[in-house]
Amino acid sequence: MTVRRYVVGGLLGLSVVASYDVASAQVGHNPASSPYRDVLLRSGPAFFGGHLSGSRGSADAGFSNGDVVGVRYELAAGKTLLAQFNGTYVKGDRFILNPAADSSSPQRKTGPYAADIFIIDLMLQLRLTGAKSWRGFAPYAGAGIGVGFETTAPPDTTQSGYRFGTKFTVSGATGIRWYPLRRVSLTGDARFVLWKESYPMSFHQTAPDGSRILPLIHDLSEWTFHPVLSVGLGWIF
């Protein structure tokens, strides 16, 4: 987690520096030697890969620890806005819980077992430096909504009734684009995804030793938070 905090902090810091410089220091530069360059306000695809982590929820049954690969199509919407259509495949894992087993039993929680999800979402992104880059760098921030669904799941061997199912997602992102070439971009992206876990009634069931997976006062649904760090390669038409 420490490394991830530094990465996110670095991205945010670069975003602030680049935004400030473009806004306040562009005046007075000779255009031929200026560090500020126009960005092509056009559309194009991007491919990315990274890692998803985050909470499995209070029951410790949820999906996490996933390697991410995906594709997005970016559609320019003026000088400052960009619409992103993302398709993300996440190969992760989750545990299987047995509400009928004692809390000290090795059968209470087994795994983790392989599980995969696919997320489709739409994100609106704000170019923090508008239609300019600073030395080829252009920071951004954005937010979006989508839907995630399980494509591969371990069998419910304990008959607990838990499944990932299909979930509404909310996401946010910040990052830096670097343009080594006019039509090519490399991206360092730090985002989060939120979805709502829904637990079966069996998680309130009493085991022989009197324990429960979730206490009766705990709701059978809760939002979980999932950081995603990725790098990407894009092309501008």
C-alpha atoms as a PDB file:
ATOM      1  CA  MET A   1       0.000   0.000   0.000  1.00  0.00           C
ATOM      2  CA  THR A   2       2.939   2.388   0.686  1.00  0.00           C
ATOM      3  CA  VAL A   3       4.176   2.106  -2.902  1.00  0.00           C
ATOM      4  CA  ARG A   4       0.676   2.749  -4.224  1.00  0.00           C
ATOM      5  CA  ARG A   5       0.341   5.849  -2.050  1.00  0.00           C
ATOM      6  CA  TYR A   6       3.587   7.226  -3.498  1.00  0.00           C
ATOM      7  CA  VAL A   7       2.435   6.487  -7.058  1.00  0.00           C
ATOM      8  CA  VAL A   8      -0.924   8.174  -6.529  1.00  0.00           C
ATOM      9  CA  GLY A   9       0.718  11.085  -4.709  1.00  0.00           C
ATOM     10  CA  GLY A  10       3.217  11.511  -7.520  1.00  0.00           C
ATOM     11  CA  LEU A  11       0.512  11.556 -10.168  1.00  0.00           C
ATOM     12  CA  LEU A  12      -1.474  14.132  -8.222  1.00  0.00           C
ATOM     13  CA  GLY A  13       1.635  16.243  -7.712  1.00  0.00           C
ATOM     14  CA  LEU A  14       2.508  16.231 -11.397  1.00  0.00           C
ATOM     15  CA  SER A  15      -1.101  17.119 -12.197  1.00  0.00           C
ATOM     16  CA  VAL A  16      -1.012  20.167  -9.934  1.00  0.00           C
ATOM     17  CA  VAL A  17       2.388  21.340 -11.219  1.00  0.00           C
ATOM     18  CA  ALA A  18       1.485  20.941 -14.877  1.00  0.00           C
ATOM     19  CA  SER A  19      -1.905  22.600 -14.429  1.00  0.00           C
ATOM     20  CA  TYR A  20      -0.376  25.583 -12.632  1.00  0.00           C
ATOM     21  CA  ASP A  21       2.413  26.034 -15.150  1.00  0.00           C
ATOM     22  CA  VAL A  22       0.140  25.973 -18.186  1.00  0.00           C
ATOM     23  CA  ALA A  23      -2.317  28.373 -16.601  1.00  0.00           C
ATOM     24  CA  SER A  24       0.176  30.879 -15.211  1.00  0.00           C
ATOM     25  CA  ALA A  25       3.483  30.656 -17.087  1.00  0.00           C
ATOM     26  CA  GLN A  26       2.634  30.324 -20.761  1.00  0.00           C
ATOM     27  CA  VAL A  27       2.797  34.061 -21.391  1.00  0.00           C
ATOM     28  CA  GLY A  28       6.240  35.253 -22.508  1.00  0.00           C
ATOM     29  CA  HIS A  29       7.500  32.038 -24.090  1.00  0.00           C
ATOM     30  CA  ASN A  30       8.835  32.086 -27.618  1.00  0.00           C
ATOM     31  CA  PRO A  31       6.515  29.669 -29.492  1.00  0.00           C
ATOM     32  CA  ALA A  32       9.506  27.886 -31.042  1.00  0.00           C
ATOM     33  CA  SER A  33      11.059  27.107 -27.654  1.00  0.00           C
ATOM     34  CA  SER A  34       7.926  26.955 -25.509  1.00  0.00           C
ATOM     35  CA  PRO A  35       7.420  23.802 -23.398  1.00  0.00           C
ATOM     36  CA  TYR A  36       3.681  24.037 -24.151  1.00  0.00           C
ATOM     37  CA  ARG A  37       2.331  22.100 -27.104  1.00  0.00           C
ATOM     38  CA  ASP A  38      -1.125  21.796 -28.603  1.00  0.00           C
ATOM     39  CA  VAL A  39      -2.842  18.439 -28.050  1.00  0.00           C
ATOM     40  CA  LEU A  40      -4.728  16.859 -30.943  1.00  0.00           C
ATOM     41  CA  LEU A  41      -8.401  17.132 -30.013  1.00  0.00           C
ATOM     42  CA  ARG A  42      -9.371  13.930 -31.780  1.00  0.00           C
ATOM     43  CA  SER A  43     -10.574  10.448 -30.885  1.00  0.00           C
ATOM     44  CA  GLY A  44      -8.813   7.122 -30.714  1.00  0.00           C
ATOM     45  CA  PRO A  45      -8.366   3.784 -28.929  1.00  0.00           C
ATOM     46  CA  ALA A  46      -6.157   2.957 -25.960  1.00  0.00           C
ATOM     47  CA  PHE A  47      -5.038  -0.313 -24.402  1.00  0.00           C
ATOM     48  CA  PHE A  48      -4.128  -0.666 -20.742  1.00  0.00           C
ATOM     49  CA  GLY A  49      -3.058  -3.118 -18.063  1.00  0.00           C
ATOM     50  CA  GLY A  50      -2.662  -2.971 -14.311  1.00  0.00           C
ATOM     51  CA  HIS A  51      -3.876  -4.314 -10.983  1.00  0.00           C
ATOM     52  CA  LEU A  52      -7.056  -4.032  -8.890  1.00  0.00           C
ATOM     53  CA  SER A  53      -6.930  -4.392  -5.118  1.00  0.00           C
ATOM     54  CA  GLY A  54      -9.154  -3.293  -2.256  1.00  0.00           C
ATOM     55  CA  SER A  55     -11.688  -4.532   0.263  1.00  0.00           C
ATOM     56  CA  ARG A  56     -13.413  -7.915   0.145  1.00  0.00           C
ATOM     57  CA  GLY A  57     -16.081  -6.522   2.480  1.00  0.00           C
ATOM     58  CA  SER A  58     -16.816  -7.204   6.134  1.00  0.00           C
ATOM     59  CA  ALA A  59     -17.561 -10.860   5.387  1.00  0.00           C
ATOM     60  CA  ASP A  60     -14.250 -11.261   3.511  1.00  0.00           C
ATOM     61  CA  ALA A  61     -16.144 -12.970   0.686  1.00  0.00           C
ATOM     62  CA  GLY A  62     -15.825 -10.407  -2.098  1.00  0.00           C
ATOM     63  CA  PHE A  63     -13.765 -10.156  -5.253  1.00  0.00           C
ATOM     64  CA  SER A  64     -10.287  -8.558  -5.202  1.00  0.00           C
ATOM     65  CA  ASN A  65      -6.584  -9.053  -6.065  1.00  0.00           C
ATOM     66  CA  GLY A  66      -7.116  -8.909  -9.824  1.00  0.00           C
ATOM     67  CA  ASP A  67      -4.824  -8.388 -12.808  1.00  0.00           C
ATOM     68  CA  VAL A  68      -6.428  -5.915 -15.215  1.00  0.00           C
ATOM     69  CA  VAL A  69      -6.386  -5.715 -19.000  1.00  0.00           C
ATOM     70  CA  GLY A  70      -8.685  -3.562 -21.057  1.00  0.00           C
ATOM     71  CA  VAL A  71      -9.434  -1.330 -23.982  1.00  0.00           C
ATOM     72  CA  ARG A  72     -11.036   2.088 -24.089  1.00  0.00           C
ATOM     73  CA  TYR A  73     -12.176   4.432 -26.808  1.00  0.00           C
ATOM     74  CA  GLU A  74     -11.639   8.108 -26.144  1.00  0.00           C
ATOM     75  CA  LEU A  75     -13.916  10.634 -27.800  1.00  0.00           C
ATOM     76  CA  ALA A  76     -12.930  14.313 -27.690  1.00  0.00           C
ATOM     77  CA  ALA A  77     -15.692  16.640 -26.502  1.00  0.00           C
ATOM     78  CA  GLY A  78     -14.207  20.125 -26.832  1.00  0.00           C
ATOM     79  CA  LYS A  79     -10.928  21.478 -25.486  1.00  0.00           C
ATOM     80  CA  THR A  80     -11.291  20.281 -21.911  1.00  0.00           C
ATOM     81  CA  LEU A  81     -13.597  17.241 -21.889  1.00  0.00           C
ATOM     82  CA  LEU A  82     -13.038  13.686 -23.032  1.00  0.00           C
ATOM     83  CA  ALA A  83     -15.568  10.838 -23.012  1.00  0.00           C
ATOM     84  CA  GLN A  84     -14.144   7.371 -22.340  1.00  0.00           C
ATOM     85  CA  PHE A  85     -15.868   4.073 -23.100  1.00  0.00           C
ATOM     86  CA  ASN A  86     -14.035   1.359 -21.148  1.00  0.00           C
ATOM     87  CA  GLY A  87     -14.114  -2.414 -21.270  1.00  0.00           C
ATOM     88  CA  THR A  88     -12.073  -3.976 -18.451  1.00  0.00           C
ATOM     89  CA  TYR A  89     -11.368  -7.644 -17.749  1.00  0.00           C
ATOM     90  CA  VAL A  90     -10.154  -8.440 -14.226  1.00  0.00           C
ATOM     91  CA  LYS A  91      -8.696 -11.840 -13.350  1.00  0.00           C
ATOM     92  CA  GLY A  92      -8.804 -12.076  -9.567  1.00  0.00           C
ATOM     93  CA  ASP A  93     -10.017 -14.338  -6.764  1.00  0.00           C
ATOM     94  CA  ARG A  94     -12.360 -14.685  -3.822  1.00  0.00           C
ATOM     95  CA  PHE A  95     -12.966 -16.949  -0.827  1.00  0.00           C
ATOM     96  CA  ILE A  96     -15.798 -19.422  -0.156  1.00  0.00           C
ATOM     97  CA  LEU A  97     -17.441 -19.145   3.267  1.00  0.00           C
ATOM     98  CA  ASN A  98     -19.362 -21.831   5.138  1.00  0.00           C
ATOM     99  CA  PRO A  99     -21.869 -20.303   7.586  1.00  0.00           C
ATOM    100  CA  ALA A 100     -22.527 -23.746   9.132  1.00  0.00           C
ATOM    101  CA  ALA A 101     -18.886 -24.244  10.185  1.00  0.00           C
ATOM    102  CA  ASP A 102     -17.485 -23.101  13.526  1.00  0.00           C
ATOM    103  CA  SER A 103     -15.411 -19.929  13.439  1.00  0.00           C
ATOM    104  CA  SER A 104     -12.274 -21.922  14.343  1.00  0.00           C
ATOM    105  CA  SER A 105     -12.859 -24.575  11.677  1.00  0.00           C
ATOM    106  CA  PRO A 106     -10.618 -24.592   8.572  1.00  0.00           C
ATOM    107  CA  GLN A 107     -13.837 -25.119   6.584  1.00  0.00           C
ATOM    108  CA  ARG A 108     -15.229 -21.747   7.662  1.00  0.00           C
ATOM    109  CA  LYS A 109     -13.237 -19.974   4.917  1.00  0.00           C
ATOM    110  CA  THR A 110     -11.432 -21.710   2.082  1.00  0.00           C
ATOM    111  CA  GLY A 111      -9.534 -20.391  -0.905  1.00  0.00           C
ATOM    112  CA  PRO A 112      -8.880 -18.029  -2.481  1.00  0.00           C
ATOM    113  CA  TYR A 113     -10.330 -19.420  -5.707  1.00  0.00           C
ATOM    114  CA  ALA A 114      -9.995 -17.960  -9.183  1.00  0.00           C
ATOM    115  CA  ALA A 115     -12.778 -15.586 -10.217  1.00  0.00           C
ATOM    116  CA  ASP A 116     -13.037 -13.177 -13.138  1.00  0.00           C
ATOM    117  CA  ILE A 117     -15.206 -10.120 -13.723  1.00  0.00           C
ATOM    118  CA  PHE A 118     -15.809  -7.800 -16.657  1.00  0.00           C
ATOM    119  CA  ILE A 119     -16.605  -4.111 -16.199  1.00  0.00           C
ATOM    120  CA  ILE A 120     -18.138  -1.821 -18.814  1.00  0.00           C
ATOM    121  CA  ASP A 121     -18.250   1.861 -17.921  1.00  0.00           C
ATOM    122  CA  LEU A 122     -18.510   5.384 -19.252  1.00  0.00           C
ATOM    123  CA  MET A 123     -16.237   8.080 -17.837  1.00  0.00           C
ATOM    124  CA  LEU A 124     -16.097  11.815 -18.402  1.00  0.00           C
ATOM    125  CA  GLN A 125     -12.577  13.130 -18.125  1.00  0.00           C
ATOM    126  CA  LEU A 126     -11.389  16.702 -17.584  1.00  0.00           C
ATOM    127  CA  ARG A 127      -8.108  17.762 -19.233  1.00  0.00           C
ATOM    128  CA  LEU A 128      -6.565  19.843 -16.467  1.00  0.00           C
ATOM    129  CA  THR A 129      -4.321  21.698 -18.929  1.00  0.00           C
ATOM    130  CA  GLY A 130      -7.027  22.144 -21.559  1.00  0.00           C
ATOM    131  CA  ALA A 131      -5.816  21.694 -25.136  1.00  0.00           C
ATOM    132  CA  LYS A 132      -2.135  22.005 -24.119  1.00  0.00           C
ATOM    133  CA  SER A 133       0.557  19.713 -22.787  1.00  0.00           C
ATOM    134  CA  TRP A 134       3.548  20.768 -20.708  1.00  0.00           C
ATOM    135  CA  ARG A 135       6.742  19.166 -22.020  1.00  0.00           C
ATOM    136  CA  GLY A 136       4.499  16.474 -23.449  1.00  0.00           C
ATOM    137  CA  PHE A 137       2.680  15.855 -20.153  1.00  0.00           C
ATOM    138  CA  ALA A 138      -1.046  16.451 -19.681  1.00  0.00           C
ATOM    139  CA  PRO A 139      -2.787  15.657 -16.359  1.00  0.00           C
ATOM    140  CA  TYR A 140      -6.449  14.724 -16.075  1.00  0.00           C
ATOM    141  CA  ALA A 141      -9.205  13.776 -13.634  1.00  0.00           C
ATOM    142  CA  GLY A 142     -12.542  12.121 -14.221  1.00  0.00           C
ATOM    143  CA  ALA A 143     -15.538  10.173 -12.911  1.00  0.00           C
ATOM    144  CA  GLY A 144     -17.826   7.553 -14.340  1.00  0.00           C
ATOM    145  CA  ILE A 145     -20.512   4.906 -13.902  1.00  0.00           C
ATOM    146  CA  GLY A 146     -20.838   1.403 -15.244  1.00  0.00           C
ATOM    147  CA  VAL A 147     -21.763  -2.217 -14.618  1.00  0.00           C
ATOM    148  CA  GLY A 148     -19.633  -5.195 -13.598  1.00  0.00           C
ATOM    149  CA  PHE A 149     -20.536  -8.859 -13.868  1.00  0.00           C
ATOM    150  CA  GLU A 150     -18.902 -12.151 -12.998  1.00  0.00           C
ATOM    151  CA  THR A 151     -17.648 -14.215 -15.938  1.00  0.00           C
ATOM    152  CA  THR A 152     -15.925 -17.005 -13.987  1.00  0.00           C
ATOM    153  CA  ALA A 153     -16.874 -18.034 -10.454  1.00  0.00           C
ATOM    154  CA  PRO A 154     -15.949 -20.849  -8.052  1.00  0.00           C
ATOM    155  CA  PRO A 155     -18.803 -23.293  -7.285  1.00  0.00           C
ATOM    156  CA  ASP A 156     -20.923 -22.610  -4.198  1.00  0.00           C
ATOM    157  CA  THR A 157     -19.783 -25.802  -2.465  1.00  0.00           C
ATOM    158  CA  THR A 158     -21.132 -24.720   0.953  1.00  0.00           C
ATOM    159  CA  GLN A 159     -24.562 -23.692  -0.391  1.00  0.00           C
ATOM    160  CA  SER A 160     -24.163 -20.310   1.307  1.00  0.00           C
ATOM    161  CA  GLY A 161     -25.961 -18.546  -1.548  1.00  0.00           C
ATOM    162  CA  TYR A 162     -23.280 -15.900  -2.057  1.00  0.00           C
ATOM    163  CA  ARG A 163     -22.491 -14.788  -5.604  1.00  0.00           C
ATOM    164  CA  PHE A 164     -20.941 -11.681  -7.119  1.00  0.00           C
ATOM    165  CA  GLY A 165     -23.683 -11.362  -9.723  1.00  0.00           C
ATOM    166  CA  THR A 166     -24.072  -8.100 -11.624  1.00  0.00           C
ATOM    167  CA  LYS A 167     -23.201  -4.838  -9.922  1.00  0.00           C
ATOM    168  CA  PHE A 168     -23.563  -1.124 -10.594  1.00  0.00           C
ATOM    169  CA  THR A 169     -20.168   0.599 -10.381  1.00  0.00           C
ATOM    170  CA  VAL A 170     -19.035   4.145  -9.600  1.00  0.00           C
ATOM    171  CA  SER A 171     -15.489   5.198 -10.452  1.00  0.00           C
ATOM    172  CA  GLY A 172     -13.083   8.115 -10.297  1.00  0.00           C
ATOM    173  CA  ALA A 173      -9.638   8.632 -11.791  1.00  0.00           C
ATOM    174  CA  THR A 174      -6.634  10.884 -12.027  1.00  0.00           C
ATOM    175  CA  GLY A 175      -3.473  10.484 -14.026  1.00  0.00           C
ATOM    176  CA  ILE A 176      -0.913  11.820 -16.471  1.00  0.00           C
ATOM    177  CA  ARG A 177      -0.681  11.459 -20.238  1.00  0.00           C
ATOM    178  CA  TRP A 178       2.669  11.746 -21.954  1.00  0.00           C
ATOM    179  CA  TYR A 179       2.844  12.401 -25.689  1.00  0.00           C
ATOM    180  CA  PRO A 180       6.213  11.072 -26.970  1.00  0.00           C
ATOM    181  CA  LEU A 181       4.792  11.533 -30.473  1.00  0.00           C
ATOM    182  CA  ARG A 182       1.990  13.778 -31.657  1.00  0.00           C
ATOM    183  CA  ARG A 183      -0.448  10.888 -32.179  1.00  0.00           C
ATOM    184  CA  VAL A 184       0.815   8.507 -29.487  1.00  0.00           C
ATOM    185  CA  SER A 185       0.169   8.742 -25.745  1.00  0.00           C
ATOM    186  CA  LEU A 186       1.417   6.814 -22.737  1.00  0.00           C
ATOM    187  CA  THR A 187      -0.734   6.984 -19.609  1.00  0.00           C
ATOM    188  CA  GLY A 188      -0.159   6.445 -15.899  1.00  0.00           C
ATOM    189  CA  ASP A 189      -3.597   6.073 -14.305  1.00  0.00           C
ATOM    190  CA  ALA A 190      -4.768   5.847 -10.686  1.00  0.00           C
ATOM    191  CA  ARG A 191      -8.469   5.241 -10.224  1.00  0.00           C
ATOM    192  CA  PHE A 192     -10.946   3.659  -7.848  1.00  0.00           C
ATOM    193  CA  VAL A 193     -14.033   1.550  -8.409  1.00  0.00           C
ATOM    194  CA  LEU A 194     -16.909   1.217  -5.954  1.00  0.00           C
ATOM    195  CA  TRP A 195     -19.514  -1.541  -6.030  1.00  0.00           C
ATOM    196  CA  LYS A 196     -22.099  -2.817  -3.559  1.00  0.00           C
ATOM    197  CA  GLU A 197     -21.733  -6.247  -2.028  1.00  0.00           C
ATOM    198  CA  SER A 198     -24.985  -8.118  -1.299  1.00  0.00           C
ATOM    199  CA  TYR A 199     -24.718 -10.996   1.184  1.00  0.00           C
ATOM    200  CA  PRO A 200     -27.145 -13.924   1.587  1.00  0.00           C
ATOM    201  CA  MET A 201     -29.254 -14.426   4.713  1.00  0.00           C
ATOM    202  CA  SER A 202     -27.055 -17.409   5.582  1.00  0.00           C
ATOM    203  CA  PHE A 203     -24.323 -14.978   6.643  1.00  0.00           C
ATOM    204  CA  HIS A 204     -26.555 -14.149   9.646  1.00  0.00           C
ATOM    205  CA  GLN A 205     -26.974 -17.869  10.391  1.00  0.00           C
ATOM    206  CA  THR A 206     -25.701 -19.186  13.738  1.00  0.00           C
ATOM    207  CA  ALA A 207     -22.961 -21.836  13.576  1.00  0.00           C
ATOM    208  CA  PRO A 208     -22.746 -24.655  16.191  1.00  0.00           C
ATOM    209  CA  ASP A 209     -20.299 -22.588  18.276  1.00  0.00           C
ATOM    210  CA  GLY A 210     -22.728 -19.628  18.306  1.00  0.00           C
ATOM    211  CA  SER A 211     -20.734 -17.504  15.859  1.00  0.00           C
ATOM    212  CA  ARG A 212     -21.960 -15.807  12.690  1.00  0.00           C
ATOM    213  CA  ILE A 213     -20.131 -14.629   9.595  1.00  0.00           C
ATOM    214  CA  LEU A 214     -21.830 -11.254  10.067  1.00  0.00           C
ATOM    215  CA  PRO A 215     -23.416 -10.072  13.327  1.00  0.00           C
ATOM    216  CA  LEU A 216     -27.157  -9.475  13.208  1.00  0.00           C
ATOM    217  CA  ILE A 217     -26.610  -5.723  13.536  1.00  0.00           C
ATOM    218  CA  HIS A 218     -24.552  -5.690  10.305  1.00  0.00           C
ATOM    219  CA  ASP A 219     -26.429  -4.963   7.079  1.00  0.00           C
ATOM    220  CA  LEU A 220     -26.419  -7.609   4.369  1.00  0.00           C
ATOM    221  CA  SER A 221     -25.150  -5.061   1.864  1.00  0.00           C
ATOM    222  CA  GLU A 222     -22.258  -2.601   1.815  1.00  0.00           C
ATOM    223  CA  TRP A 223     -20.133  -0.600  -0.624  1.00  0.00           C
ATOM    224  CA  THR A 224     -16.541  -1.750  -1.147  1.00  0.00           C
ATOM    225  CA  PHE A 225     -13.632   0.344  -2.410  1.00  0.00           C
ATOM    226  CA  HIS A 226     -11.152  -0.911  -5.030  1.00  0.00           C
ATOM    227  CA  PRO A 227      -8.049   1.044  -6.149  1.00  0.00           C
ATOM    228  CA  VAL A 228      -6.818   0.327  -9.687  1.00  0.00           C
ATOM    229  CA  LEU A 229      -3.346   1.285 -10.920  1.00  0.00           C
ATOM    230  CA  SER A 230      -2.627   0.910 -14.629  1.00  0.00           C
ATOM    231  CA  VAL A 231      -0.493   2.029 -17.543  1.00  0.00           C
ATOM    232  CA  GLY A 232      -1.789   2.473 -21.077  1.00  0.00           C
ATOM    233  CA  LEU A 233      -0.859   3.093 -24.694  1.00  0.00           C
ATOM    234  CA  GLY A 234      -3.135   5.181 -26.906  1.00  0.00           C
ATOM    235  CA  TRP A 235      -3.369   6.296 -30.508  1.00  0.00           C
ATOM    236  CA  ILE A 236      -5.010   9.492 -31.790  1.00  0.00           C
ATOM    237  CA  PHE A 237      -6.610   9.363 -35.229  1.00  0.00           C
END
